[in-house]
Amino acid sequence: MSYKSEYLQTLERRGYIHQLTDAAAIDTRAQKPGLTAYVGFDLTGPSLHIGHLMSIMMLRRLQQHGGKPIALMGGGTTKVGDPSGKDTQRQLLDQAAIDANKASIKRVFERFLTFGDGPSDAIMADNAEWLEQLNYIDFLRDYGRHFSVNRMLTMDSVRLRLEREQPLSFLEFNYMVLQSYDFVELNRRYACVMQMGGSDQWGNITQGVDLGRRVSGAELYGLTTPLITNADGSKMGKTAGGAVWLNREQLPDWDYWQYWRNVDDRDVGKFLRLFTDMPDDEIARLEALQGAEINDAKIALANAATTLCRGAEAAAAAEATARATFAEGGAGEALPSFAIHAPTPLVDALVLTGLATSKGEARRKIGENAVRIDGEPATDPNQPVTAPAKLSLGKKRHALLTAG
């Protein structure tokens, strides 16, 4: 449909919208000031990853259009575990681990959102504040009666487990009930009227919309984003080295920059629209580049995405490292990278990177003058190698050492 609100126009144009519970009503509400919406994030690890970026960018877009975003930390729901997309129950964390994860994850949001007391300043809430205070009997009586088990059994997070004859605990079965209650509580506390999330959260979101209507008559809405895949059909955000983490403690700035630098040519325009603030006309210009010039667009993507998540200095340093490291002069080939925490003897570095299978083989290759550091011959097996550095074995095998 054709939207009238600038917010939904932007979301549609840049590719964020998958499903809306009531497109016309959301569009009407978005034309008024002060639209408040939230996304929930469970605290299952010390960092979010690129798979969470769509939701974070949705909150950022909302704030850019004068709305009030809420980043909801799942201090309570993390103790239950979301069964969506999982074949087995998630590992349950103790309170100390949840608190540590929350402190770590919070730093990422401060790069994307402005927090404060202003009308469009973001709020960081934690559902532990209300979930841990619930009286079980009262909660069942006041809210449990509004949930149909028949309907809950049709939700993908439940249905797929049962069809595969995989266990689903009563603890996990309660997750959607608690998530729905989050929506009611956020509406009560902050006049929040919309929940956003990935397409796998559609069932949980619509349950919350329905619960709000039944409990208080509130008119609530839901919006989900599409599953983002790479041009080859693979799931975005996964590499041979694992997930692409947003926190630099889990993934160095260089590797984060390199991820964006090495995306498929066909994905550059899409990722610029979704994961940067670059204007549409500049994206169109970069997207039209052909041949070797597409590398300029990839560098622009890497710089813009890294600036948002890690800061302008990190982006500039990563590009400078790329240009200084690669003898060919191009900023960033698709090389495997390995983090080191201190200067490392050359023989150890060769084994670490897999360029040699043993220290003995490493010494032989060094003795054969087959090893180079940043393009320069290396002859001392014990020479300390300091990151960043490009190791080469012969003409075809290369690896990059980064600072851990």
Protein backbone atom coordinates (compact mmCIF):
# COMPACT_ATOMS: atom_id res chain seq x y z
CA MET A 1 0.00 0.00 0.00
CA SER A 2 0.97 3.64 -0.29
CA TYR A 3 1.83 5.09 3.11
CA LYS A 4 1.21 8.69 4.18
CA SER A 5 3.50 8.78 7.22
CA GLU A 6 7.15 9.56 6.58
CA TYR A 7 8.16 6.81 9.01
CA LEU A 8 6.45 3.98 7.13
CA GLN A 9 7.46 5.49 3.79
CA THR A 10 11.08 5.26 4.91
CA LEU A 11 10.69 1.72 6.23
CA GLU A 12 9.02 0.58 3.02
CA ARG A 13 11.51 2.30 0.73
CA ARG A 14 14.54 0.93 2.53
CA GLY A 15 13.22 -2.63 2.91
CA TYR A 16 12.33 -3.04 6.58
CA ILE A 17 8.69 -4.12 6.39
CA HIS A 18 7.56 -7.74 6.27
CA GLN A 19 4.20 -7.80 8.07
CA LEU A 20 1.96 -5.27 9.81
CA THR A 21 -0.97 -6.13 12.06
CA ASP A 22 -3.01 -3.17 10.76
CA ALA A 23 -1.17 -1.17 8.12
CA ALA A 24 -3.75 1.60 7.79
CA ALA A 25 -4.04 2.15 11.54
CA ILE A 26 -0.28 2.14 12.05
CA ASP A 27 0.13 4.60 9.19
CA THR A 28 -2.45 6.93 10.74
CA ARG A 29 -0.82 6.69 14.17
CA ALA A 30 2.65 7.29 12.71
CA GLN A 31 1.47 10.62 11.28
CA LYS A 32 0.97 11.90 14.82
CA PRO A 33 3.90 12.87 17.07
CA GLY A 34 5.22 10.61 19.79
CA LEU A 35 4.77 7.11 18.37
CA THR A 36 6.31 4.80 20.99
CA ALA A 37 7.46 1.33 19.95
CA TYR A 38 9.72 -1.36 21.36
CA VAL A 39 11.86 -4.32 20.48
CA GLY A 40 12.82 -6.99 23.00
CA PHE A 41 16.31 -8.46 23.29
CA ASP A 42 17.05 -11.46 25.49
CA LEU A 43 20.37 -11.45 27.31
CA THR A 44 21.66 -14.85 26.22
CA GLY A 45 25.22 -13.70 25.46
CA PRO A 46 27.64 -10.83 26.05
CA SER A 47 26.95 -9.34 22.63
CA LEU A 48 24.22 -9.08 20.05
CA HIS A 49 25.14 -10.00 16.48
CA ILE A 50 24.40 -8.74 12.99
CA GLY A 51 21.15 -10.71 12.99
CA HIS A 52 19.86 -8.20 15.57
CA LEU A 53 20.83 -5.16 13.51
CA MET A 54 17.53 -4.95 11.64
CA SER A 55 15.64 -4.51 14.90
CA ILE A 56 18.16 -1.99 16.23
CA MET A 57 17.97 0.00 13.00
CA MET A 58 14.16 -0.02 13.23
CA LEU A 59 14.44 1.70 16.61
CA ARG A 60 16.94 4.15 15.14
CA ARG A 61 14.63 4.98 12.22
CA LEU A 62 11.77 5.55 14.67
CA GLN A 63 13.84 8.04 16.66
CA GLN A 64 14.97 9.79 13.48
CA HIS A 65 11.30 10.38 12.65
CA GLY A 66 10.42 11.81 16.06
CA GLY A 67 9.14 8.63 17.69
CA LYS A 68 10.19 7.23 21.05
CA PRO A 69 12.04 3.89 20.92
CA ILE A 70 12.20 1.42 23.79
CA ALA A 71 14.97 -1.18 23.90
CA LEU A 72 13.60 -3.85 26.22
CA MET A 73 16.22 -6.00 27.91
CA GLY A 74 14.95 -9.48 28.68
CA GLY A 75 16.31 -9.81 32.18
CA GLY A 76 13.22 -11.82 33.07
CA THR A 77 12.45 -13.72 29.87
CA THR A 78 16.09 -14.80 29.49
CA LYS A 79 15.48 -17.01 32.52
CA VAL A 80 12.74 -18.78 30.55
CA GLY A 81 14.20 -19.00 27.05
CA ASP A 82 12.56 -18.20 23.72
CA PRO A 83 11.83 -21.47 21.83
CA SER A 84 11.52 -19.66 18.48
CA GLY A 85 13.87 -21.16 15.91
CA LYS A 86 15.34 -23.65 18.39
CA ASP A 87 15.27 -27.44 18.35
CA THR A 88 16.21 -27.79 22.02
CA GLN A 89 15.82 -25.76 25.18
CA ARG A 90 18.26 -22.88 25.51
CA GLN A 91 20.89 -23.10 28.22
CA LEU A 92 19.62 -21.31 31.30
CA LEU A 93 21.90 -18.62 32.73
CA ASP A 94 22.39 -17.55 36.32
CA GLN A 95 21.75 -14.00 37.48
CA ALA A 96 25.41 -12.99 37.41
CA ALA A 97 25.74 -14.00 33.76
CA ILE A 98 22.53 -12.19 32.81
CA ASP A 99 23.68 -9.00 34.56
CA ALA A 100 27.08 -9.14 32.85
CA ASN A 101 25.47 -9.68 29.44
CA LYS A 102 23.13 -6.74 29.99
CA ALA A 103 25.99 -4.40 30.87
CA SER A 104 27.90 -5.48 27.77
CA ILE A 105 24.95 -5.28 25.37
CA LYS A 106 23.89 -1.87 26.65
CA ARG A 107 27.03 -0.28 25.18
CA VAL A 108 25.94 -1.14 21.65
CA PHE A 109 22.59 0.62 21.96
CA GLU A 110 24.29 3.81 23.07
CA ARG A 111 25.89 4.00 19.62
CA PHE A 112 22.61 3.71 17.74
CA LEU A 113 20.15 5.55 19.99
CA THR A 114 20.06 8.74 22.05
CA PHE A 115 18.88 8.09 25.60
CA GLY A 116 17.47 10.71 27.93
CA ASP A 117 14.30 12.34 29.22
CA GLY A 118 13.23 14.16 26.05
CA PRO A 119 10.04 13.32 24.11
CA SER A 120 11.90 11.30 21.48
CA ASP A 121 14.76 10.09 23.66
CA ALA A 122 15.10 6.33 23.89
CA ILE A 123 14.28 4.27 26.97
CA MET A 124 16.11 1.14 28.07
CA ALA A 125 13.77 -1.00 30.15
CA ASP A 126 14.18 -4.47 31.67
CA ASN A 127 11.25 -6.86 31.95
CA ALA A 128 12.75 -8.31 35.13
CA GLU A 129 11.32 -5.20 36.82
CA TRP A 130 7.78 -6.53 36.49
CA LEU A 131 8.07 -10.23 35.67
CA GLU A 132 9.97 -11.03 38.86
CA GLN A 133 7.27 -9.33 40.93
CA LEU A 134 4.37 -11.37 39.58
CA ASN A 135 2.21 -13.51 41.83
CA TYR A 136 1.70 -16.78 40.00
CA ILE A 137 -1.93 -17.40 40.98
CA ASP A 138 -2.96 -13.80 40.33
CA PHE A 139 -1.18 -13.80 36.98
CA LEU A 140 -2.90 -17.01 35.85
CA ARG A 141 -6.29 -15.67 36.89
CA ASP A 142 -5.91 -12.19 35.41
CA TYR A 143 -3.98 -12.99 32.23
CA GLY A 144 -3.76 -16.74 31.65
CA ARG A 145 -7.48 -16.96 30.92
CA HIS A 146 -6.98 -14.80 27.82
CA PHE A 147 -4.68 -17.32 26.13
CA SER A 148 -6.00 -20.17 24.02
CA VAL A 149 -3.82 -23.26 24.26
CA ASN A 150 -5.32 -24.35 20.95
CA ARG A 151 -3.94 -21.22 19.32
CA MET A 152 -0.61 -21.45 21.13
CA LEU A 153 -0.11 -24.95 19.74
CA THR A 154 -0.34 -23.57 16.20
CA MET A 155 2.54 -21.11 16.71
CA ASP A 156 5.64 -22.11 14.74
CA SER A 157 7.84 -22.07 17.84
CA VAL A 158 5.62 -24.77 19.35
CA ARG A 159 4.18 -26.58 16.33
CA LEU A 160 7.53 -27.35 14.71
CA ARG A 161 8.91 -28.85 17.92
CA LEU A 162 5.89 -31.08 18.32
CA GLU A 163 5.86 -32.16 14.67
CA ARG A 164 9.51 -33.19 14.99
CA GLU A 165 8.75 -34.95 18.27
CA GLN A 166 11.31 -32.75 20.00
CA PRO A 167 10.81 -31.91 23.68
CA LEU A 168 9.23 -28.58 24.63
CA SER A 169 9.27 -27.75 28.32
CA PHE A 170 6.42 -26.04 30.15
CA LEU A 171 8.96 -23.32 30.96
CA GLU A 172 9.47 -22.53 27.26
CA PHE A 173 5.74 -22.84 26.56
CA ASN A 174 5.22 -19.89 28.89
CA TYR A 175 7.59 -17.62 26.95
CA MET A 176 4.95 -16.20 24.63
CA VAL A 177 2.68 -15.50 27.60
CA LEU A 178 5.39 -13.46 29.31
CA GLN A 179 6.33 -11.65 26.10
CA SER A 180 2.70 -10.73 25.57
CA TYR A 181 2.50 -9.40 29.10
CA ASP A 182 5.60 -7.28 28.41
CA PHE A 183 3.61 -5.43 25.75
CA VAL A 184 0.73 -4.77 28.15
CA GLU A 185 3.13 -3.52 30.82
CA LEU A 186 5.02 -1.24 28.42
CA ASN A 187 1.73 0.21 27.22
CA ARG A 188 0.73 0.88 30.81
CA ARG A 189 4.06 2.42 31.82
CA TYR A 190 5.16 4.26 28.68
CA ALA A 191 2.09 4.43 26.38
CA CYS A 192 3.92 2.07 24.02
CA VAL A 193 1.60 1.03 21.19
CA MET A 194 3.77 -1.01 18.82
CA GLN A 195 6.08 -4.00 19.09
CA MET A 196 8.63 -4.66 16.36
CA GLY A 197 10.81 -7.68 15.71
CA GLY A 198 11.97 -10.28 13.24
CA SER A 199 9.54 -12.34 11.19
CA ASP A 200 9.99 -15.29 13.57
CA GLN A 201 8.36 -13.18 16.31
CA TRP A 202 5.06 -12.65 14.46
CA GLY A 203 3.12 -15.13 16.59
CA ASN A 204 4.42 -13.72 19.86
CA ILE A 205 3.73 -10.15 18.72
CA THR A 206 0.14 -10.83 17.66
CA GLN A 207 -0.49 -12.56 20.99
CA GLY A 208 0.60 -9.37 22.74
CA VAL A 209 -1.62 -7.21 20.54
CA ASP A 210 -4.57 -9.46 21.35
CA LEU A 211 -3.81 -9.53 25.09
CA GLY A 212 -3.69 -5.73 25.26
CA ARG A 213 -7.09 -5.48 23.59
CA ARG A 214 -8.64 -8.06 25.91
CA VAL A 215 -7.17 -6.70 29.15
CA SER A 216 -7.53 -2.95 28.72
CA GLY A 217 -9.04 -2.29 25.32
CA ALA A 218 -5.73 -0.79 24.17
CA GLU A 219 -5.20 -0.45 20.44
CA LEU A 220 -1.79 -2.04 19.94
CA TYR A 221 0.12 -2.88 16.77
CA GLY A 222 2.85 -5.12 15.49
CA LEU A 223 5.45 -4.83 12.74
CA THR A 224 7.97 -7.46 11.66
CA THR A 225 11.04 -7.27 9.46
CA PRO A 226 11.93 -9.78 6.74
CA LEU A 227 14.57 -12.45 7.17
CA ILE A 228 17.65 -11.00 5.49
CA THR A 229 19.64 -13.42 3.37
CA ASN A 230 22.74 -13.00 1.27
CA ALA A 231 22.47 -13.00 -2.51
CA ASP A 232 23.44 -16.69 -2.54
CA GLY A 233 20.51 -17.53 -0.26
CA SER A 234 22.55 -18.11 2.89
CA LYS A 235 21.57 -16.56 6.20
CA MET A 236 23.11 -13.15 6.72
CA GLY A 237 25.58 -12.68 9.55
CA LYS A 238 27.25 -16.08 9.53
CA THR A 239 30.85 -16.56 8.45
CA ALA A 240 33.31 -19.41 8.52
CA GLY A 241 34.57 -17.95 11.79
CA GLY A 242 31.11 -17.83 13.38
CA ALA A 243 28.69 -15.02 14.16
CA VAL A 244 29.48 -11.39 13.38
CA TRP A 245 29.27 -9.80 16.83
CA LEU A 246 28.44 -6.15 17.44
CA ASN A 247 30.68 -5.73 20.50
CA ARG A 248 34.38 -5.25 19.79
CA GLU A 249 35.23 -7.48 22.78
CA GLN A 250 33.79 -10.41 20.79
CA LEU A 251 34.92 -9.27 17.33
CA PRO A 252 37.75 -6.81 16.55
CA ASP A 253 36.92 -3.66 14.60
CA TRP A 254 38.97 -4.90 11.65
CA ASP A 255 36.96 -8.11 11.30
CA TYR A 256 33.69 -6.20 11.59
CA TRP A 257 34.79 -3.82 8.84
CA GLN A 258 36.00 -6.73 6.71
CA TYR A 259 32.64 -8.48 6.96
CA TRP A 260 30.94 -5.56 5.22
CA ARG A 261 33.84 -5.07 2.80
CA ASN A 262 33.50 -8.64 1.56
CA VAL A 263 29.73 -8.87 0.99
CA ASP A 264 28.49 -10.10 -2.36
CA ASP A 265 28.38 -7.40 -5.05
CA ARG A 266 24.63 -7.98 -5.39
CA ASP A 267 24.01 -7.18 -1.72
CA VAL A 268 25.73 -3.79 -1.52
CA GLY A 269 22.70 -1.63 -2.31
CA LYS A 270 20.37 -3.59 -0.05
CA PHE A 271 22.76 -3.47 2.89
CA LEU A 272 23.42 0.25 2.41
CA ARG A 273 19.68 0.90 2.68
CA LEU A 274 19.19 -1.32 5.71
CA PHE A 275 22.31 -0.81 7.78
CA THR A 276 23.51 2.75 7.14
CA ASP A 277 22.13 6.29 7.21
CA MET A 278 23.41 7.01 3.73
CA PRO A 279 20.97 9.10 1.64
CA ASP A 280 18.99 7.30 -1.06
CA ASP A 281 20.57 9.23 -3.94
CA GLU A 282 24.09 8.34 -2.82
CA ILE A 283 23.09 4.69 -2.45
CA ALA A 284 21.69 4.75 -5.98
CA ARG A 285 24.98 6.14 -7.27
CA LEU A 286 27.06 3.50 -5.50
CA GLU A 287 24.67 0.71 -6.47
CA ALA A 288 25.12 1.60 -10.14
CA LEU A 289 28.90 1.12 -10.07
CA GLN A 290 30.15 -1.75 -12.19
CA GLY A 291 33.26 -3.89 -12.45
CA ALA A 292 36.17 -2.99 -10.20
CA GLU A 293 34.40 0.21 -9.15
CA ILE A 294 31.97 -1.83 -7.03
CA ASN A 295 34.84 -2.08 -4.54
CA ASP A 296 34.40 1.64 -3.85
CA ALA A 297 30.78 0.93 -2.91
CA LYS A 298 31.85 -1.92 -0.64
CA ILE A 299 34.37 0.29 1.13
CA ALA A 300 31.68 2.95 1.56
CA LEU A 301 29.37 0.30 3.05
CA ALA A 302 32.08 -0.98 5.38
CA ASN A 303 32.94 2.52 6.56
CA ALA A 304 29.33 3.59 7.09
CA ALA A 305 28.25 0.40 8.88
CA THR A 306 31.38 0.33 11.05
CA THR A 307 31.02 4.02 11.93
CA LEU A 308 27.52 3.38 13.26
CA CYS A 309 28.46 0.38 15.38
CA ARG A 310 32.09 1.04 16.34
CA GLY A 311 32.69 4.74 15.68
CA ALA A 312 34.31 6.82 12.94
CA GLU A 313 37.83 6.27 14.28
CA ALA A 314 37.40 2.49 14.13
CA ALA A 315 36.16 2.68 10.54
CA ALA A 316 39.02 4.94 9.45
CA ALA A 317 41.60 2.76 11.19
CA ALA A 318 40.22 -0.39 9.57
CA GLU A 319 40.34 1.11 6.10
CA ALA A 320 43.85 2.44 6.69
CA THR A 321 44.95 -0.99 7.91
CA ALA A 322 43.50 -2.60 4.81
CA ARG A 323 45.27 -0.22 2.45
CA ALA A 324 48.57 -0.54 4.30
CA THR A 325 48.40 -4.31 4.66
CA PHE A 326 47.53 -5.53 1.21
CA ALA A 327 50.44 -5.39 -1.17
CA GLU A 328 48.06 -5.31 -4.11
CA GLY A 329 46.87 -1.88 -2.98
CA GLY A 330 43.18 -2.73 -2.74
CA ALA A 331 41.42 -2.17 0.55
CA GLY A 332 40.45 -5.57 1.79
CA GLU A 333 40.65 -8.96 0.14
CA ALA A 334 38.66 -11.84 1.53
CA LEU A 335 41.47 -13.21 3.70
CA PRO A 336 41.06 -15.38 6.80
CA SER A 337 41.95 -13.36 9.88
CA PHE A 338 43.27 -14.44 13.28
CA ALA A 339 43.47 -12.37 16.44
CA ILE A 340 46.64 -12.20 18.53
CA HIS A 341 46.95 -10.43 21.87
CA ALA A 342 50.71 -9.74 21.81
CA PRO A 343 53.68 -9.95 19.43
CA THR A 344 53.92 -13.59 18.37
CA PRO A 345 56.96 -15.55 17.10
CA LEU A 346 56.73 -16.11 13.37
CA VAL A 347 56.72 -19.92 13.67
CA ASP A 348 53.78 -19.76 16.06
CA ALA A 349 51.95 -17.31 13.82
CA LEU A 350 52.30 -19.62 10.84
CA VAL A 351 50.83 -22.52 12.80
CA LEU A 352 48.05 -20.35 14.25
CA THR A 353 46.93 -19.23 10.81
CA GLY A 354 47.15 -22.71 9.33
CA LEU A 355 49.81 -21.73 6.83
CA ALA A 356 51.95 -24.43 8.43
CA THR A 357 50.80 -27.60 10.18
CA SER A 358 53.66 -27.64 12.68
CA LYS A 359 56.56 -25.54 13.92
CA GLY A 360 58.90 -27.87 12.05
CA GLU A 361 57.13 -27.22 8.77
CA ALA A 362 57.08 -23.50 9.55
CA ARG A 363 60.86 -23.46 10.03
CA ARG A 364 61.37 -25.35 6.77
CA LYS A 365 59.22 -22.90 4.83
CA ILE A 366 61.06 -19.97 6.38
CA GLY A 367 64.37 -21.60 5.45
CA GLU A 368 63.13 -21.98 1.86
CA ASN A 369 62.44 -18.22 1.73
CA ALA A 370 58.75 -18.96 1.12
CA VAL A 371 57.38 -16.77 3.91
CA ARG A 372 56.67 -13.05 3.77
CA ILE A 373 55.34 -10.54 6.29
CA ASP A 374 53.49 -7.65 4.65
CA GLY A 375 55.18 -8.57 1.40
CA GLU A 376 58.72 -8.57 2.82
CA PRO A 377 60.77 -11.80 3.06
CA ALA A 378 60.98 -13.24 6.58
CA THR A 379 64.06 -15.29 7.51
CA ASP A 380 64.03 -15.45 11.33
CA PRO A 381 61.71 -18.14 12.76
CA ASN A 382 61.60 -16.31 16.09
CA GLN A 383 60.88 -12.88 14.66
CA PRO A 384 58.00 -11.34 16.64
CA VAL A 385 55.01 -10.51 14.44
CA THR A 386 52.87 -7.59 15.54
CA ALA A 387 49.28 -7.11 14.37
CA PRO A 388 48.04 -6.03 11.97
CA ALA A 389 50.14 -8.04 9.57
CA LYS A 390 49.62 -10.05 6.43
CA LEU A 391 51.41 -13.42 6.35
CA SER A 392 52.06 -15.05 3.00
CA LEU A 393 53.27 -18.53 2.13
CA GLY A 394 54.27 -18.60 -1.51
CA LYS A 395 52.12 -16.60 -3.91
CA LYS A 396 48.68 -18.04 -3.22
CA ARG A 397 48.32 -18.61 0.52
CA HIS A 398 47.71 -15.63 2.79
CA ALA A 399 46.31 -14.85 6.23
CA LEU A 400 45.80 -11.73 8.28
CA LEU A 401 46.78 -11.22 11.91
CA THR A 402 44.62 -8.72 13.79
CA ALA A 403 44.91 -7.27 17.27
CA GLY A 404 42.80 -9.29 19.69
